PDB file of N, CA and C in Angstrom:
ATOM      1  N   MET A   1       0.993  -1.317   0.087  1.00  0.00           N
ATOM      2  CA  MET A   1      -0.461  -0.151   0.139  1.00  0.00           C
ATOM      3  C   MET A   1       0.576   1.295  -0.016  1.00  0.00           C
ATOM      4  N   ALA A   2       2.060   1.377   0.976  1.00  0.00           N
ATOM      5  CA  ALA A   2       2.858   2.650   0.823  1.00  0.00           C
ATOM      6  C   ALA A   2       3.354   2.752  -0.639  1.00  0.00           C
ATOM      7  N   ALA A   3       3.559   1.708  -0.709  1.00  0.00           N
ATOM      8  CA  ALA A   3       4.158   2.075  -2.058  1.00  0.00           C
ATOM      9  C   ALA A   3       3.735   2.462  -3.752  1.00  0.00           C
ATOM     10  N   PHE A   4       2.256   2.279  -3.549  1.00  0.00           N
ATOM     11  CA  PHE A   4       1.083   2.113  -4.071  1.00  0.00           C
ATOM     12  C   PHE A   4       1.072   3.745  -4.285  1.00  0.00           C
ATOM     13  N   LEU A   5       1.070   3.989  -3.000  1.00  0.00           N
ATOM     14  CA  LEU A   5       0.665   5.654  -2.377  1.00  0.00           C
ATOM     15  C   LEU A   5       1.966   6.414  -2.935  1.00  0.00           C
ATOM     16  N   ARG A   6       3.176   6.161  -3.166  1.00  0.00           N
ATOM     17  CA  ARG A   6       3.954   6.783  -3.432  1.00  0.00           C
ATOM     18  C   ARG A   6       4.126   7.151  -5.157  1.00  0.00           C
ATOM     19  N   VAL A   7       2.951   6.783  -5.694  1.00  0.00           N
ATOM     20  CA  VAL A   7       3.323   6.707  -7.229  1.00  0.00           C
ATOM     21  C   VAL A   7       2.256   8.609  -7.329  1.00  0.00           C
ATOM     22  N   GLY A   8       1.742   8.560  -6.181  1.00  0.00           N
ATOM     23  CA  GLY A   8       1.384  10.264  -5.756  1.00  0.00           C
ATOM     24  C   GLY A   8       2.497  11.241  -6.330  1.00  0.00           C
ATOM     25  N   ALA A   9       3.759  10.538  -5.449  1.00  0.00           N
ATOM     26  CA  ALA A   9       4.543  12.241  -6.123  1.00  0.00           C
ATOM     27  C   ALA A   9       5.189  12.092  -7.404  1.00  0.00           C
ATOM     28  N   PRO A  10       5.109  11.689  -8.531  1.00  0.00           N
ATOM     29  CA  PRO A  10       5.301  12.019  -9.632  1.00  0.00           C
ATOM     30  C   PRO A  10       4.107  12.990 -10.404  1.00  0.00           C
ATOM     31  N   ILE A  11       2.837  12.534  -9.584  1.00  0.00           N
ATOM     32  CA  ILE A  11       1.515  13.459  -9.833  1.00  0.00           C
ATOM     33  C   ILE A  11       1.767  14.279  -9.583  1.00  0.00           C
ATOM     34  N   ASP A  12       2.250  14.353  -8.314  1.00  0.00           N
ATOM     35  CA  ASP A  12       2.846  15.794  -7.726  1.00  0.00           C
ATOM     36  C   ASP A  12       3.602  16.626  -8.467  1.00  0.00           C
ATOM     37  N   HIS A  13       4.529  16.490  -9.137  1.00  0.00           N
ATOM     38  CA  HIS A  13       5.562  16.945 -10.213  1.00  0.00           C
ATOM     39  C   HIS A  13       4.524  17.703 -10.433  1.00  0.00           C
ATOM     40  N   ALA A  14       4.133  17.014 -11.472  1.00  0.00           N
ATOM     41  CA  ALA A  14       3.404  17.485 -12.595  1.00  0.00           C
ATOM     42  C   ALA A  14       2.549  18.368 -12.509  1.00  0.00           C
ATOM     43  N   SER A  15       1.765  18.400 -11.416  1.00  0.00           N
ATOM     44  CA  SER A  15       0.663  19.280 -10.944  1.00  0.00           C
ATOM     45  C   SER A  15       2.100  20.732  -9.936  1.00  0.00           C
ATOM     46  N   SER A  16       3.164  20.784  -9.827  1.00  0.00           N
ATOM     47  CA  SER A  16       3.885  21.710  -9.958  1.00  0.00           C
ATOM     48  C   SER A  16       4.455  22.617 -11.042  1.00  0.00           C
ATOM     49  N   LEU A  17       4.924  21.767 -12.132  1.00  0.00           N
ATOM     50  CA  LEU A  17       4.823  22.390 -13.408  1.00  0.00           C
ATOM     51  C   LEU A  17       3.412  23.144 -13.753  1.00  0.00           C
ATOM     52  N   LEU A  18       2.361  22.476 -13.972  1.00  0.00           N
ATOM     53  CA  LEU A  18       1.063  22.961 -14.054  1.00  0.00           C
ATOM     54  C   LEU A  18       1.044  24.482 -13.380  1.00  0.00           C
ATOM     55  N   LEU A  19       1.116  24.453 -12.345  1.00  0.00           N
ATOM     56  CA  LEU A  19       0.797  25.586 -10.971  1.00  0.00           C
ATOM     57  C   LEU A  19       1.766  26.699 -11.342  1.00  0.00           C
ATOM     58  N   ALA A  20       2.867  26.377 -11.763  1.00  0.00           N
ATOM     59  CA  ALA A  20       4.453  27.234 -11.952  1.00  0.00           C
ATOM     60  C   ALA A  20       3.078  27.601 -13.653  1.00  0.00           C
ATOM     61  N   LEU A  21       2.822  27.166 -14.652  1.00  0.00           N
ATOM     62  CA  LEU A  21       2.190  27.421 -15.656  1.00  0.00           C
ATOM     63  C   LEU A  21       0.954  28.608 -15.387  1.00  0.00           C
ATOM     64  N   GLY A  22       0.606  28.377 -14.386  1.00  0.00           N
ATOM     65  CA  GLY A  22      -1.298  28.482 -13.738  1.00  0.00           C
ATOM     66  C   GLY A  22      -0.727  30.335 -13.550  1.00  0.00           C
ATOM     67  N   VAL A  23       0.802  30.685 -11.994  1.00  0.00           N
ATOM     68  CA  VAL A  23       0.719  31.606 -11.624  1.00  0.00           C
ATOM     69  C   VAL A  23       1.343  32.090 -12.703  1.00  0.00           C
ATOM     70  N   ALA A  24       2.162  31.770 -13.959  1.00  0.00           N
ATOM     71  CA  ALA A  24       2.469  32.846 -15.266  1.00  0.00           C
ATOM     72  C   ALA A  24       1.206  33.221 -16.109  1.00  0.00           C
ATOM     73  N   CYS A  25       0.419  32.358 -16.217  1.00  0.00           N
ATOM     74  CA  CYS A  25      -0.982  32.618 -16.845  1.00  0.00           C
ATOM     75  C   CYS A  25      -2.031  33.720 -15.984  1.00  0.00           C
ATOM     76  N   GLY A  26      -1.837  33.586 -14.980  1.00  0.00           N
ATOM     77  CA  GLY A  26      -2.364  34.391 -13.591  1.00  0.00           C
ATOM     78  C   GLY A  26      -1.578  36.134 -13.741  1.00  0.00           C
ATOM     79  N   LEU A  27      -0.211  36.018 -14.099  1.00  0.00           N
ATOM     80  CA  LEU A  27       0.458  37.349 -13.937  1.00  0.00           C
ATOM     81  C   LEU A  27      -0.201  37.818 -15.727  1.00  0.00           C
ATOM     82  N   LEU A  28      -0.134  37.063 -16.858  1.00  0.00           N
ATOM     83  CA  LEU A  28      -0.016  37.288 -17.912  1.00  0.00           C
ATOM     84  C   LEU A  28      -1.403  38.222 -18.021  1.00  0.00           C
ATOM     85  N   ASP A  29      -2.850  37.663 -17.501  1.00  0.00           N
ATOM     86  CA  ASP A  29      -4.105  38.062 -17.318  1.00  0.00           C
ATOM     87  C   ASP A  29      -4.741  38.176 -15.841  1.00  0.00           C
ATOM     88  N   PRO A  30      -4.179  38.633 -14.719  1.00  0.00           N
ATOM     89  CA  PRO A  30      -4.656  38.677 -13.568  1.00  0.00           C
ATOM     90  C   PRO A  30      -5.908  38.381 -13.163  1.00  0.00           C
ATOM     91  N   LEU A  31      -6.731  38.959 -14.116  1.00  0.00           N
ATOM     92  CA  LEU A  31      -8.190  39.163 -13.897  1.00  0.00           C
ATOM     93  C   LEU A  31      -9.376  38.200 -13.759  1.00  0.00           C
ATOM     94  N   ARG A  32      -8.434  36.923 -15.023  1.00  0.00           N
ATOM     95  CA  ARG A  32      -9.066  36.303 -15.712  1.00  0.00           C
ATOM     96  C   ARG A  32      -9.603  35.150 -14.253  1.00  0.00           C
ATOM     97  N   LEU A  33     -10.974  34.614 -14.496  1.00  0.00           N
ATOM     98  CA  LEU A  33     -11.127  34.099 -13.310  1.00  0.00           C
ATOM     99  C   LEU A  33     -10.685  32.695 -13.426  1.00  0.00           C
ATOM    100  N   MET A  34     -10.410  31.762 -14.725  1.00  0.00           N
ATOM    101  CA  MET A  34      -9.998  30.564 -15.191  1.00  0.00           C
ATOM    102  C   MET A  34      -8.685  30.550 -14.171  1.00  0.00           C
ATOM    103  N   SER A  35      -7.623  31.301 -14.097  1.00  0.00           N
ATOM    104  CA  SER A  35      -6.114  31.521 -14.134  1.00  0.00           C
ATOM    105  C   SER A  35      -6.649  31.213 -12.639  1.00  0.00           C
ATOM    106  N   VAL A  36      -7.361  31.860 -11.919  1.00  0.00           N
ATOM    107  CA  VAL A  36      -7.538  31.763 -10.141  1.00  0.00           C
ATOM    108  C   VAL A  36      -7.822  30.257  -9.587  1.00  0.00           C
ATOM    109  N   ILE A  37      -8.866  29.871 -10.665  1.00  0.00           N
ATOM    110  CA  ILE A  37      -9.271  28.325 -10.244  1.00  0.00           C
ATOM    111  C   ILE A  37      -8.624  27.421 -10.581  1.00  0.00           C
ATOM    112  N   ALA A  38      -7.710  27.599 -11.309  1.00  0.00           N
ATOM    113  CA  ALA A  38      -6.483  26.734 -11.811  1.00  0.00           C
ATOM    114  C   ALA A  38      -5.597  26.802 -10.637  1.00  0.00           C
ATOM    115  N   LEU A  39      -4.994  27.635 -10.083  1.00  0.00           N
ATOM    116  CA  LEU A  39      -4.662  28.193  -9.206  1.00  0.00           C
ATOM    117  C   LEU A  39      -5.018  27.672  -7.892  1.00  0.00           C
ATOM    118  N   LEU A  40      -6.578  27.870  -7.661  1.00  0.00           N
ATOM    119  CA  LEU A  40      -7.097  26.824  -6.410  1.00  0.00           C
ATOM    120  C   LEU A  40      -7.045  25.358  -6.374  1.00  0.00           C
ATOM    121  N   LEU A  41      -7.039  25.166  -7.528  1.00  0.00           N
ATOM    122  CA  LEU A  41      -6.930  23.577  -8.015  1.00  0.00           C
ATOM    123  C   LEU A  41      -5.169  23.107  -7.502  1.00  0.00           C
ATOM    124  N   GLY A  42      -4.497  23.894  -8.161  1.00  0.00           N
ATOM    125  CA  GLY A  42      -3.272  23.649  -7.676  1.00  0.00           C
ATOM    126  C   GLY A  42      -2.765  23.547  -6.082  1.00  0.00           C
ATOM    127  N   LEU A  43      -2.954  24.356  -5.841  1.00  0.00           N
ATOM    128  CA  LEU A  43      -2.834  24.730  -3.645  1.00  0.00           C
ATOM    129  C   LEU A  43      -3.946  23.242  -3.628  1.00  0.00           C
ATOM    130  N   ILE A  44      -5.058  22.859  -3.560  1.00  0.00           N
ATOM    131  CA  ILE A  44      -5.591  22.032  -3.054  1.00  0.00           C
ATOM    132  C   ILE A  44      -4.974  20.748  -3.325  1.00  0.00           C
ATOM    133  N   GLU A  45      -4.896  20.570  -4.720  1.00  0.00           N
ATOM    134  CA  GLU A  45      -3.634  18.988  -5.122  1.00  0.00           C
ATOM    135  C   GLU A  45      -2.459  19.076  -4.058  1.00  0.00           C
ATOM    136  N   LYS A  46      -1.914  19.999  -3.883  1.00  0.00           N
ATOM    137  CA  LYS A  46      -0.863  20.004  -2.936  1.00  0.00           C
ATOM    138  C   LYS A  46      -1.065  19.601  -1.740  1.00  0.00           C
ATOM    139  N   TYR A  47      -1.823  20.364  -0.877  1.00  0.00           N
ATOM    140  CA  TYR A  47      -2.730  19.255  -0.190  1.00  0.00           C
ATOM    141  C   TYR A  47      -3.190  18.037   0.121  1.00  0.00           C
ATOM    142  N   VAL A  48      -3.814  17.458  -0.998  1.00  0.00           N
ATOM    143  CA  VAL A  48      -3.850  16.049  -1.182  1.00  0.00           C
ATOM    144  C   VAL A  48      -2.654  15.718  -1.304  1.00  0.00           C
ATOM    145  N   ALA A  49      -1.788  15.799  -1.761  1.00  0.00           N
ATOM    146  CA  ALA A  49      -0.308  15.573  -1.834  1.00  0.00           C
ATOM    147  C   ALA A  49       0.212  14.901  -0.742  1.00  0.00           C
ATOM    148  N   TRP A  50       0.039  15.743  -0.101  1.00  0.00           N
ATOM    149  CA  TRP A  50       1.008  16.129   1.276  1.00  0.00           C
ATOM    150  C   TRP A  50       0.002  14.792   2.057  1.00  0.00           C
ATOM    151  N   ARG A  51      -1.003  14.636   1.903  1.00  0.00           N
ATOM    152  CA  ARG A  51      -2.129  13.532   3.108  1.00  0.00           C
ATOM    153  C   ARG A  51      -1.580  11.894   1.885  1.00  0.00           C
ATOM    154  N   ALA A  52      -1.677  11.882   0.579  1.00  0.00           N
ATOM    155  CA  ALA A  52      -1.379  10.710   0.076  1.00  0.00           C
ATOM    156  C   ALA A  52       0.248  10.673   0.807  1.00  0.00           C
ATOM    157  N   ALA A  53       1.275  11.222   0.689  1.00  0.00           N
ATOM    158  CA  ALA A  53       2.695  11.135   1.110  1.00  0.00           C
ATOM    159  C   ALA A  53       2.517  10.798   3.099  1.00  0.00           C
ATOM    160  N   LEU A  54       1.790  11.266   3.113  1.00  0.00           N
ATOM    161  CA  LEU A  54       1.844  10.838   4.703  1.00  0.00           C
ATOM    162  C   LEU A  54       1.381   9.453   4.765  1.00  0.00           C
ATOM    163  N   ASP A  55       0.149   9.230   3.941  1.00  0.00           N
ATOM    164  CA  ASP A  55      -0.513   8.497   4.168  1.00  0.00           C
ATOM    165  C   ASP A  55       0.436   6.890   4.175  1.00  0.00           C
ATOM    166  N   ALA A  56       1.420   7.062   2.715  1.00  0.00           N
ATOM    167  CA  ALA A  56       2.161   6.466   2.555  1.00  0.00           C
ATOM    168  C   ALA A  56       3.171   6.006   3.689  1.00  0.00           C
ATOM    169  N   ASP A  57       3.760   7.228   4.588  1.00  0.00           N
ATOM    170  CA  ASP A  57       4.652   6.890   5.234  1.00  0.00           C
ATOM    171  C   ASP A  57       4.048   6.126   6.377  1.00  0.00           C
ATOM    172  N   LEU A  58       2.539   6.630   6.691  1.00  0.00           N
ATOM    173  CA  LEU A  58       1.794   5.758   8.249  1.00  0.00           C
ATOM    174  C   LEU A  58       1.694   4.333   7.422  1.00  0.00           C
ATOM    175  N   PHE A  59       1.366   3.747   6.577  1.00  0.00           N
ATOM    176  CA  PHE A  59       1.420   2.983   6.139  1.00  0.00           C
ATOM    177  C   PHE A  59       2.936   1.740   6.205  1.00  0.00           C
ATOM    178  N   ALA A  60       3.677   2.723   5.734  1.00  0.00           N
ATOM    179  CA  ALA A  60       5.375   1.858   6.163  1.00  0.00           C
ATOM    180  C   ALA A  60       5.220   1.594   7.592  1.00  0.00           C
ATOM    181  N   VAL A  61       4.409   2.386   8.028  1.00  0.00           N
ATOM    182  CA  VAL A  61       5.182   1.996   9.997  1.00  0.00           C
ATOM    183  C   VAL A  61       4.299   0.911  10.327  1.00  0.00           C
ATOM    184  N   LEU A  62       2.815   1.242   9.781  1.00  0.00           N
ATOM    185  CA  LEU A  62       2.396   0.245  10.708  1.00  0.00           C
ATOM    186  C   LEU A  62       2.415  -1.668   9.676  1.00  0.00           C
ATOM    187  N   ALA A  63       3.548  -1.219   8.991  1.00  0.00           N
ATOM    188  CA  ALA A  63       3.671  -2.861   8.444  1.00  0.00           C
ATOM    189  C   ALA A  63       4.710  -3.258   9.197  1.00  0.00           C
ATOM    190  N   ARG A  64       5.188  -2.434   9.778  1.00  0.00           N
ATOM    191  CA  ARG A  64       6.889  -2.911  10.746  1.00  0.00           C
ATOM    192  C   ARG A  64       5.659  -3.275  11.757  1.00  0.00           C
ATOM    193  N   ALA A  65       4.736  -3.256  12.519  1.00  0.00           N
ATOM    194  CA  ALA A  65       4.456  -3.182  13.695  1.00  0.00           C
ATOM    195  C   ALA A  65       3.075  -3.327  13.703  1.00  0.00           C
ATOM    196  N   PRO A  66       1.574  -4.329  12.837  1.00  0.00           N
ATOM    197  CA  PRO A  66       0.652  -4.215  12.792  1.00  0.00           C
ATOM    198  C   PRO A  66      -0.263  -4.230  14.066  1.00  0.00           C
ATOM    199  N   GLU A  67       0.555  -5.469  15.053  1.00  0.00           N
ATOM    200  CA  GLU A  67      -0.076  -5.930  16.179  1.00  0.00           C
ATOM    201  C   GLU A  67      -0.153  -4.254  17.235  1.00  0.00           C
ATOM    202  N   HIS A  68       0.168  -3.468  16.494  1.00  0.00           N
ATOM    203  CA  HIS A  68       0.041  -2.108  17.221  1.00  0.00           C
ATOM    204  C   HIS A  68      -0.539  -0.669  16.716  1.00  0.00           C
ATOM    205  N   ASP A  69      -1.772  -1.075  15.876  1.00  0.00           N
ATOM    206  CA  ASP A  69      -2.425  -0.192  15.090  1.00  0.00           C
ATOM    207  C   ASP A  69      -3.151   0.385  16.404  1.00  0.00           C
ATOM    208  N   ALA A  70      -3.878   0.038  17.431  1.00  0.00           N
ATOM    209  CA  ALA A  70      -4.415   0.871  18.481  1.00  0.00           C
ATOM    210  C   ALA A  70      -3.634   2.069  18.898  1.00  0.00           C
ATOM    211  N   ALA A  71      -2.349   1.189  18.907  1.00  0.00           N
ATOM    212  CA  ALA A  71      -1.808   2.150  19.851  1.00  0.00           C
ATOM    213  C   ALA A  71      -1.026   3.134  19.066  1.00  0.00           C
ATOM    214  N   PHE A  72      -0.952   3.137  17.811  1.00  0.00           N
ATOM    215  CA  PHE A  72      -0.663   4.072  16.619  1.00  0.00           C
ATOM    216  C   PHE A  72      -1.658   5.125  16.197  1.00  0.00           C
ATOM    217  N   ASP A  73      -2.837   4.527  16.111  1.00  0.00           N
ATOM    218  CA  ASP A  73      -3.902   4.979  15.912  1.00  0.00           C
ATOM    219  C   ASP A  73      -4.104   6.557  17.197  1.00  0.00           C
ATOM    220  N   ALA A  74      -3.866   5.809  18.554  1.00  0.00           N
ATOM    221  CA  ALA A  74      -3.676   6.566  19.695  1.00  0.00           C
ATOM    222  C   ALA A  74      -2.465   7.964  19.750  1.00  0.00           C
ATOM    223  N   ALA A  75      -1.558   7.523  19.172  1.00  0.00           N
ATOM    224  CA  ALA A  75      -0.092   8.511  19.152  1.00  0.00           C
ATOM    225  C   ALA A  75      -0.951   9.484  18.049  1.00  0.00           C
ATOM    226  N   LEU A  76      -1.387   8.908  16.805  1.00  0.00           N
ATOM    227  CA  LEU A  76      -1.447  10.166  15.806  1.00  0.00           C
ATOM    228  C   LEU A  76      -2.464  10.452  16.303  1.00  0.00           C
ATOM    229  N   GLY A  77      -3.520  10.436  17.074  1.00  0.00           N
ATOM    230  CA  GLY A  77      -4.731  11.118  17.598  1.00  0.00           C
ATOM    231  C   GLY A  77      -4.219  12.459  17.903  1.00  0.00           C
ATOM    232  N   ALA A  78      -2.657  11.926  18.826  1.00  0.00           N
ATOM    233  CA  ALA A  78      -2.196  12.724  20.136  1.00  0.00           C
ATOM    234  C   ALA A  78      -1.523  13.654  18.866  1.00  0.00           C
ATOM    235  N   CYS A  79      -1.284  13.535  18.120  1.00  0.00           N
ATOM    236  CA  CYS A  79      -0.472  14.633  17.195  1.00  0.00           C
ATOM    237  C   CYS A  79      -1.319  15.403  16.725  1.00  0.00           C
ATOM    238  N   MET A  80      -2.434  15.408  16.321  1.00  0.00           N
ATOM    239  CA  MET A  80      -3.386  15.393  15.654  1.00  0.00           C
ATOM    240  C   MET A  80      -3.845  16.987  16.584  1.00  0.00           C
ATOM    241  N   GLY A  81      -4.050  16.856  17.695  1.00  0.00           N
ATOM    242  CA  GLY A  81      -4.681  17.426  18.843  1.00  0.00           C
ATOM    243  C   GLY A  81      -6.032  17.301  19.178  1.00  0.00           C
ATOM    244  N   ARG A  82      -6.457  15.083  18.933  1.00  0.00           N
ATOM    245  CA  ARG A  82      -7.398  14.966  19.321  1.00  0.00           C
ATOM    246  C   ARG A  82      -7.682  14.262  20.573  1.00  0.00           C
ATOM    247  N   VAL A  83      -8.396  14.786  21.745  1.00  0.00           N
ATOM    248  CA  VAL A  83      -8.304  14.386  22.859  1.00  0.00           C
ATOM    249  C   VAL A  83      -9.182  13.134  23.010  1.00  0.00           C
ATOM    250  N   ALA A  84     -10.311  13.016  21.750  1.00  0.00           N
ATOM    251  CA  ALA A  84     -10.755  11.420  22.781  1.00  0.00           C
ATOM    252  C   ALA A  84     -10.182  10.654  21.230  1.00  0.00           C
ATOM    253  N   PRO A  85     -10.168   9.559  21.267  1.00  0.00           N
ATOM    254  CA  PRO A  85      -9.428   8.715  20.564  1.00  0.00           C
ATOM    255  C   PRO A  85     -10.582   8.080  19.072  1.00  0.00           C
ATOM    256  N   LEU A  86      -9.961   7.952  17.645  1.00  0.00           N
ATOM    257  CA  LEU A  86     -11.183   7.503  16.709  1.00  0.00           C
ATOM    258  C   LEU A  86     -11.806   6.066  16.997  1.00  0.00           C
ATOM    259  N   PRO A  87     -12.767   5.852  16.357  1.00  0.00           N
ATOM    260  CA  PRO A  87     -13.433   4.867  16.126  1.00  0.00           C
ATOM    261  C   PRO A  87     -11.750   3.445  15.743  1.00  0.00           C
ATOM    262  N   GLN A  88     -11.883   2.133  16.132  1.00  0.00           N
ATOM    263  CA  GLN A  88     -10.706   1.681  15.002  1.00  0.00           C
ATOM    264  C   GLN A  88     -11.174   1.338  13.981  1.00  0.00           C
ATOM    265  N   ARG A  89     -10.362   1.258  13.052  1.00  0.00           N
ATOM    266  CA  ARG A  89     -10.526   0.937  11.772  1.00  0.00           C
ATOM    267  C   ARG A  89      -9.618  -0.529  11.140  1.00  0.00           C
ATOM    268  N   THR A  90     -10.057  -1.033  10.022  1.00  0.00           N
ATOM    269  CA  THR A  90      -9.708  -2.467   9.349  1.00  0.00           C
ATOM    270  C   THR A  90      -8.264  -1.744   8.146  1.00  0.00           C
ATOM    271  N   LEU A  91      -7.661  -2.381   8.137  1.00  0.00           N
ATOM    272  CA  LEU A  91      -6.430  -2.240   7.442  1.00  0.00           C
ATOM    273  C   LEU A  91      -7.764  -2.164   6.237  1.00  0.00           C
ATOM    274  N   ALA A  92      -8.713  -2.687   5.416  1.00  0.00           N
ATOM    275  CA  ALA A  92      -9.560  -2.196   4.420  1.00  0.00           C
ATOM    276  C   ALA A  92      -9.824  -0.740   4.776  1.00  0.00           C
ATOM    277  N   GLN A  93     -10.446  -0.582   5.785  1.00  0.00           N
ATOM    278  CA  GLN A  93     -11.109   1.073   5.533  1.00  0.00           C
ATOM    279  C   GLN A  93      -9.832   2.156   5.745  1.00  0.00           C
ATOM    280  N   ARG A  94      -8.891   1.960   6.215  1.00  0.00           N
ATOM    281  CA  ARG A  94      -8.159   2.597   5.839  1.00  0.00           C
ATOM    282  C   ARG A  94      -7.004   2.747   4.352  1.00  0.00           C
ATOM    283  N   TRP A  95      -6.948   1.445   4.171  1.00  0.00           N
ATOM    284  CA  TRP A  95      -6.768   1.439   2.428  1.00  0.00           C
ATOM    285  C   TRP A  95      -7.299   2.375   1.315  1.00  0.00           C
ATOM    286  N   GLN A  96      -8.860   2.285   2.057  1.00  0.00           N
ATOM    287  CA  GLN A  96     -10.014   2.927   1.074  1.00  0.00           C
ATOM    288  C   GLN A  96      -9.803   4.148   1.190  1.00  0.00           C
ATOM    289  N   GLY A  97      -9.545   4.748   2.519  1.00  0.00           N
ATOM    290  CA  GLY A  97      -9.377   6.144   2.707  1.00  0.00           C
ATOM    291  C   GLY A  97      -8.084   6.494   1.892  1.00  0.00           C
ATOM    292  N   ALA A  98      -6.817   5.952   2.179  1.00  0.00           N
ATOM    293  CA  ALA A  98      -5.394   6.195   1.264  1.00  0.00           C
ATOM    294  C   ALA A  98      -5.713   6.274   0.029  1.00  0.00           C
ATOM    295  N   ARG A  99      -6.450   5.688  -0.420  1.00  0.00           N
ATOM    296  CA  ARG A  99      -6.629   5.276  -1.969  1.00  0.00           C
ATOM    297  C   ARG A  99      -7.843   6.503  -2.543  1.00  0.00           C
ATOM    298  N   ARG A 100      -8.854   7.072  -1.659  1.00  0.00           N
ATOM    299  CA  ARG A 100      -9.555   8.075  -2.078  1.00  0.00           C
ATOM    300  C   ARG A 100      -8.711   9.283  -2.122  1.00  0.00           C
ATOM    301  N   PHE A 101      -7.610   9.691  -1.574  1.00  0.00           N
ATOM    302  CA  PHE A 101      -6.277  10.693  -1.238  1.00  0.00           C
ATOM    303  C   PHE A 101      -5.447  10.862  -2.787  1.00  0.00           C
ATOM    304  N   LEU A 102      -5.845   9.490  -3.133  1.00  0.00           N
ATOM    305  CA  LEU A 102      -4.804   8.996  -4.420  1.00  0.00           C
ATOM    306  C   LEU A 102      -5.734   9.694  -5.665  1.00  0.00           C
ATOM    307  N   LEU A 103      -6.366   8.941  -5.449  1.00  0.00           N
ATOM    308  CA  LEU A 103      -7.800   9.736  -7.244  1.00  0.00           C
ATOM    309  C   LEU A 103      -8.100  10.716  -6.701  1.00  0.00           C
ATOM    310  N   TRP A 104      -8.344  11.701  -5.427  1.00  0.00           N
ATOM    311  CA  TRP A 104      -8.317  13.134  -6.090  1.00  0.00           C
ATOM    312  C   TRP A 104      -7.690  13.423  -6.606  1.00  0.00           C
ATOM    313  N   GLN A 105      -5.732  13.506  -6.087  1.00  0.00           N
ATOM    314  CA  GLN A 105      -4.964  13.904  -6.311  1.00  0.00           C
ATOM    315  C   GLN A 105      -4.970  14.098  -8.276  1.00  0.00           C
ATOM    316  N   ILE A 106      -5.532  12.297  -8.525  1.00  0.00           N
ATOM    317  CA  ILE A 106      -5.243  12.480  -9.832  1.00  0.00           C
ATOM    318  C   ILE A 106      -6.107  13.117 -10.623  1.00  0.00           C
ATOM    319  N   GLY A 107      -6.989  12.939 -10.078  1.00  0.00           N
ATOM    320  CA  GLY A 107      -8.300  14.165 -10.458  1.00  0.00           C
ATOM    321  C   GLY A 107      -8.330  15.624 -10.432  1.00  0.00           C
ATOM    322  N   LEU A 108      -7.547  15.998  -9.321  1.00  0.00           N
ATOM    323  CA  LEU A 108      -7.189  17.627  -9.891  1.00  0.00           C
ATOM    324  C   LEU A 108      -6.228  17.649 -10.760  1.00  0.00           C
ATOM    325  N   VAL A 109      -5.093  16.520 -10.859  1.00  0.00           N
ATOM    326  CA  VAL A 109      -4.208  17.753 -11.543  1.00  0.00           C
ATOM    327  C   VAL A 109      -4.856  17.345 -12.968  1.00  0.00           C
ATOM    328  N   LEU A 110      -5.940  16.268 -13.534  1.00  0.00           N
ATOM    329  CA  LEU A 110      -6.205  16.315 -14.366  1.00  0.00           C
ATOM    330  C   LEU A 110      -7.513  17.448 -14.739  1.00  0.00           C
ATOM    331  N   ALA A 111      -8.085  17.907 -14.234  1.00  0.00           N
ATOM    332  CA  ALA A 111      -8.582  19.080 -13.854  1.00  0.00           C
ATOM    333  C   ALA A 111      -7.924  20.354 -14.013  1.00  0.00           C
ATOM    334  N   GLN A 112      -6.963  20.400 -13.218  1.00  0.00           N
ATOM    335  CA  GLN A 112      -5.738  21.548 -13.329  1.00  0.00           C
ATOM    336  C   GLN A 112      -4.808  21.697 -15.082  1.00  0.00           C
ATOM    337  N   ALA A 113      -5.023  20.271 -15.282  1.00  0.00           N
ATOM    338  CA  ALA A 113      -4.382  20.517 -17.060  1.00  0.00           C
ATOM    339  C   ALA A 113      -5.299  20.864 -17.871  1.00  0.00           C
ATOM    340  N   LEU A 114      -6.550  20.449 -17.838  1.00  0.00           N
ATOM    341  CA  LEU A 114      -7.674  20.720 -19.034  1.00  0.00           C
ATOM    342  C   LEU A 114      -7.804  22.075 -18.492  1.00  0.00           C
ATOM    343  N   LEU A 115      -8.580  22.889 -17.701  1.00  0.00           N
ATOM    344  CA  LEU A 115      -8.254  24.035 -17.416  1.00  0.00           C
ATOM    345  C   LEU A 115      -7.204  24.937 -17.874  1.00  0.00           C
ATOM    346  N   LEU A 116      -5.920  24.307 -17.853  1.00  0.00           N
ATOM    347  CA  LEU A 116      -4.822  25.530 -18.122  1.00  0.00           C
ATOM    348  C   LEU A 116      -5.110  24.913 -19.631  1.00  0.00           C
ATOM    349  N   ALA A 117      -4.702  24.039 -20.128  1.00  0.00           N
ATOM    350  CA  ALA A 117      -4.723  24.035 -21.672  1.00  0.00           C
ATOM    351  C   ALA A 117      -6.023  25.056 -22.387  1.00  0.00           C
ATOM    352  N   ALA A 118      -7.012  24.326 -21.831  1.00  0.00           N
ATOM    353  CA  ALA A 118      -8.712  25.587 -22.046  1.00  0.00           C
ATOM    354  C   ALA A 118      -7.928  26.999 -21.782  1.00  0.00           C
ATOM    355  N   MET A 119      -7.475  27.258 -21.184  1.00  0.00           N
ATOM    356  CA  MET A 119      -7.115  28.814 -21.293  1.00  0.00           C
ATOM    357  C   MET A 119      -5.895  29.387 -22.652  1.00  0.00           C
ATOM    358  N   LEU A 120      -5.461  28.186 -22.740  1.00  0.00           N
ATOM    359  CA  LEU A 120      -4.418  28.941 -23.317  1.00  0.00           C
ATOM    360  C   LEU A 120      -4.588  28.202 -25.017  1.00  0.00           C
ATOM    361  N   LEU A 121      -5.762  27.349 -25.338  1.00  0.00           N
ATOM    362  CA  LEU A 121      -6.548  27.496 -26.212  1.00  0.00           C
ATOM    363  C   LEU A 121      -7.225  28.671 -26.522  1.00  0.00           C
ATOM    364  N   LEU A 122      -7.742  28.766 -25.605  1.00  0.00           N
ATOM    365  CA  LEU A 122      -8.874  30.651 -25.834  1.00  0.00           C
ATOM    366  C   LEU A 122      -8.345  31.841 -26.222  1.00  0.00           C
ATOM    367  N   ARG A 123      -6.660  31.824 -25.923  1.00  0.00           N
ATOM    368  CA  ARG A 123      -5.997  33.083 -25.833  1.00  0.00           C
ATOM    369  C   ARG A 123      -6.214  33.340 -27.080  1.00  0.00           C
TER     370      ARG A 123
END
């Protein structure tokens, strides 16, 4: 699972290039709504990419000590400022949530690319 989630790194690099292109387009035509939307998509992708990378690292930790998943969840919750622990999740539920982040990341990069392509074609 951790290795699968690491696929998000090159996707994030592509988004960085698209984000730079969006900034350039925004500087050339700052009042264009499409530029602002492209920039927002890029920033949202950065958050989702960070979460997917975090999940990859967390799955790697869980793989080393799967019997300590309850303690792992409690420690992670404490790091995130939670007072009450979250309900225990199965590995399948964890994977489903992490996979969702990767799919969102792919969707955001595609939307970002399509929007920027449309902007360049409409110029």
